[in-house]
Amino acid sequence: MKLARRAPLSKVVRTICLPEAEEKPMTGQRCVTSGWGRSGPSPALSSALLEAQVPLLDLADCRRAYGKSVPIGDGHLCAGNTDGSSGSCVGDSGGPLQCRKPDGSWQLVGVTSFGSGCARPGFPDVYTKISHYTDWIRDTIANDLDS
């Protein structure tokens, strides 16, 4: 997506750090996912931005949960409270998964992709892993600035 004009930074519009290419997220780290998706069984989407704290999970555990019916590749990242307490839901796809770095800044580690229901116990949410695409993102930005 390319904006027609610059977005002025404010309290609600900010930049976020990108990970280095193929940087490995820390399993167990608690991160924040957010979106305007459903907040429960109602089909209505939220009128307010919602967030949930979720731990990053080992990819092998994610693959076991989904089995062979859903291929989980190196370009994926899994996170979620597998007890079903909270997570992403319908309408949250495309939203950020962000983690705080040791220096206090925020880093975009994932983009909400899919799950198996809304915070369904035993099934983590699956995200597109940003570090898998960092080189492509940076190349695309550089090429766009050159044109």
Protein backbone atom coordinates (compact mmCIF):
# COMPACT_ATOMS: atom_id res chain seq x y z
CA MET A 1 0.00 0.00 0.00
CA LYS A 2 1.30 3.46 -0.82
CA LEU A 3 -0.20 6.53 0.78
CA ALA A 4 -1.05 9.50 -1.43
CA ARG A 5 0.56 11.80 1.12
CA ARG A 6 2.65 11.55 4.27
CA ALA A 7 0.84 10.46 7.40
CA PRO A 8 1.53 12.91 10.22
CA LEU A 9 2.85 11.14 13.30
CA SER A 10 0.75 11.58 16.43
CA LYS A 11 -0.28 9.84 19.63
CA VAL A 12 -2.21 7.28 17.56
CA VAL A 13 -0.10 7.14 14.36
CA ARG A 14 3.47 5.98 14.89
CA THR A 15 6.28 4.12 13.22
CA ILE A 16 7.46 0.69 14.33
CA CYS A 17 10.80 -1.09 14.00
CA LEU A 18 11.26 -3.98 11.57
CA PRO A 19 13.28 -7.05 12.56
CA GLU A 20 16.51 -7.94 10.83
CA ALA A 21 16.23 -10.51 8.04
CA GLU A 22 15.62 -14.00 9.44
CA GLU A 23 15.82 -12.69 13.03
CA LYS A 24 14.49 -15.39 15.34
CA PRO A 25 11.68 -14.30 17.65
CA MET A 26 12.08 -15.50 21.24
CA THR A 27 9.74 -18.37 22.09
CA GLY A 28 7.81 -17.51 25.25
CA GLN A 29 8.14 -13.75 24.84
CA ARG A 30 4.85 -11.98 25.53
CA CYS A 31 3.77 -9.74 22.69
CA VAL A 32 0.67 -7.76 21.74
CA THR A 33 -1.75 -8.47 18.92
CA SER A 34 -4.46 -5.96 18.08
CA GLY A 35 -7.40 -5.50 15.74
CA TRP A 36 -11.02 -4.53 15.22
CA GLY A 37 -12.26 -8.12 14.95
CA ARG A 38 -14.87 -9.94 16.95
CA SER A 39 -14.53 -9.97 20.71
CA GLY A 40 -16.76 -12.99 21.29
CA PRO A 41 -19.49 -15.12 19.73
CA SER A 42 -21.37 -12.11 18.31
CA PRO A 43 -20.84 -11.69 14.54
CA ALA A 44 -20.37 -7.92 15.00
CA LEU A 45 -16.88 -6.49 14.67
CA SER A 46 -15.55 -4.27 17.44
CA SER A 47 -16.00 -0.51 17.16
CA ALA A 48 -12.90 -0.05 19.34
CA LEU A 49 -9.35 -1.26 18.75
CA LEU A 50 -8.81 -4.33 20.93
CA GLU A 51 -5.55 -5.89 22.04
CA ALA A 52 -4.43 -9.13 23.63
CA GLN A 53 -1.14 -10.16 25.19
CA VAL A 54 0.01 -13.44 23.68
CA PRO A 55 3.17 -15.55 24.06
CA LEU A 56 5.28 -16.49 21.03
CA LEU A 57 5.18 -20.24 20.51
CA ASP A 58 7.58 -22.78 19.07
CA LEU A 59 6.84 -23.47 15.39
CA ALA A 60 7.07 -27.23 15.99
CA ASP A 61 4.26 -27.01 18.57
CA CYS A 62 2.18 -25.03 16.09
CA ARG A 63 2.76 -27.64 13.37
CA ARG A 64 1.67 -30.39 15.77
CA ALA A 65 -1.51 -28.51 16.66
CA TYR A 66 -2.58 -27.99 13.05
CA GLY A 67 -1.25 -31.26 11.65
CA LYS A 68 -0.76 -31.93 7.96
CA SER A 69 -4.06 -30.31 6.97
CA VAL A 70 -2.60 -26.81 7.44
CA PRO A 71 1.00 -26.40 6.26
CA ILE A 72 2.94 -24.14 8.63
CA GLY A 73 6.15 -22.94 6.95
CA ASP A 74 9.24 -20.93 7.79
CA GLY A 75 7.40 -17.75 6.79
CA HIS A 76 4.96 -18.29 9.64
CA LEU A 77 5.05 -17.41 13.32
CA CYS A 78 2.67 -18.74 15.96
CA ALA A 79 1.47 -17.02 19.10
CA GLY A 80 -1.45 -17.29 21.44
CA ASN A 81 -2.82 -18.38 24.75
CA THR A 82 -3.57 -22.02 23.99
CA ASP A 83 -5.86 -22.17 27.03
CA GLY A 84 -8.34 -20.13 24.97
CA SER A 85 -8.24 -17.09 27.27
CA SER A 86 -7.51 -14.54 24.53
CA GLY A 87 -6.14 -14.12 21.03
CA SER A 88 -7.04 -12.90 17.58
CA CYS A 89 -10.45 -13.48 16.00
CA VAL A 90 -12.45 -13.03 12.79
CA GLY A 91 -11.77 -9.54 11.44
CA ASP A 92 -8.28 -9.23 12.93
CA SER A 93 -6.41 -10.50 9.84
CA GLY A 94 -3.81 -8.02 8.63
CA GLY A 95 -3.32 -6.60 12.12
CA PRO A 96 0.05 -6.35 13.89
CA LEU A 97 1.82 -8.69 16.27
CA GLN A 98 4.31 -6.47 18.05
CA CYS A 99 6.92 -7.23 20.68
CA ARG A 100 8.89 -4.92 22.92
CA LYS A 101 12.63 -5.03 22.36
CA PRO A 102 15.13 -4.88 25.27
CA ASP A 103 15.72 -1.17 24.54
CA GLY A 104 11.99 -0.47 25.05
CA SER A 105 11.13 0.13 21.39
CA TRP A 106 8.42 -1.87 19.63
CA GLN A 107 9.09 -4.26 16.77
CA LEU A 108 6.60 -5.63 14.23
CA VAL A 109 7.23 -9.39 14.29
CA GLY A 110 4.08 -10.63 12.58
CA VAL A 111 0.90 -9.86 10.67
CA THR A 112 -2.25 -11.72 11.70
CA SER A 113 -3.00 -14.42 9.14
CA PHE A 114 -5.36 -17.10 10.50
CA GLY A 115 -6.41 -19.24 13.41
CA SER A 116 -8.79 -22.06 14.17
CA GLY A 117 -11.72 -20.10 15.50
CA CYS A 118 -11.36 -17.33 18.05
CA ALA A 119 -8.81 -18.17 20.74
CA ARG A 120 -9.76 -21.85 20.40
CA PRO A 121 -8.07 -23.92 23.10
CA GLY A 122 -5.13 -25.94 21.79
CA PHE A 123 -4.80 -23.95 18.56
CA PRO A 124 -2.44 -20.96 18.41
CA ASP A 125 -2.96 -18.08 16.02
CA VAL A 126 -0.77 -18.02 12.92
CA TYR A 127 0.99 -14.89 11.70
CA THR A 128 3.11 -14.00 8.69
CA LYS A 129 6.66 -13.74 10.07
CA ILE A 130 8.02 -10.31 9.16
CA SER A 131 11.71 -11.26 9.47
CA HIS A 132 11.20 -13.80 6.67
CA TYR A 133 10.27 -10.89 4.37
CA THR A 134 12.43 -8.05 5.76
CA ASP A 135 14.81 -7.97 2.77
CA TRP A 136 11.87 -7.82 0.34
CA ILE A 137 10.19 -5.06 2.39
CA ARG A 138 13.38 -2.98 2.50
CA ASP A 139 14.05 -3.52 -1.24
CA THR A 140 10.49 -2.50 -2.09
CA ILE A 141 10.76 0.66 0.00
CA ALA A 142 14.15 1.54 -1.53
CA ASN A 143 12.88 0.96 -5.08
CA ASP A 144 9.82 3.08 -4.40
CA LEU A 145 11.97 5.94 -3.08
CA ASP A 146 14.10 5.77 -6.23
CA SER A 147 11.12 6.13 -8.56
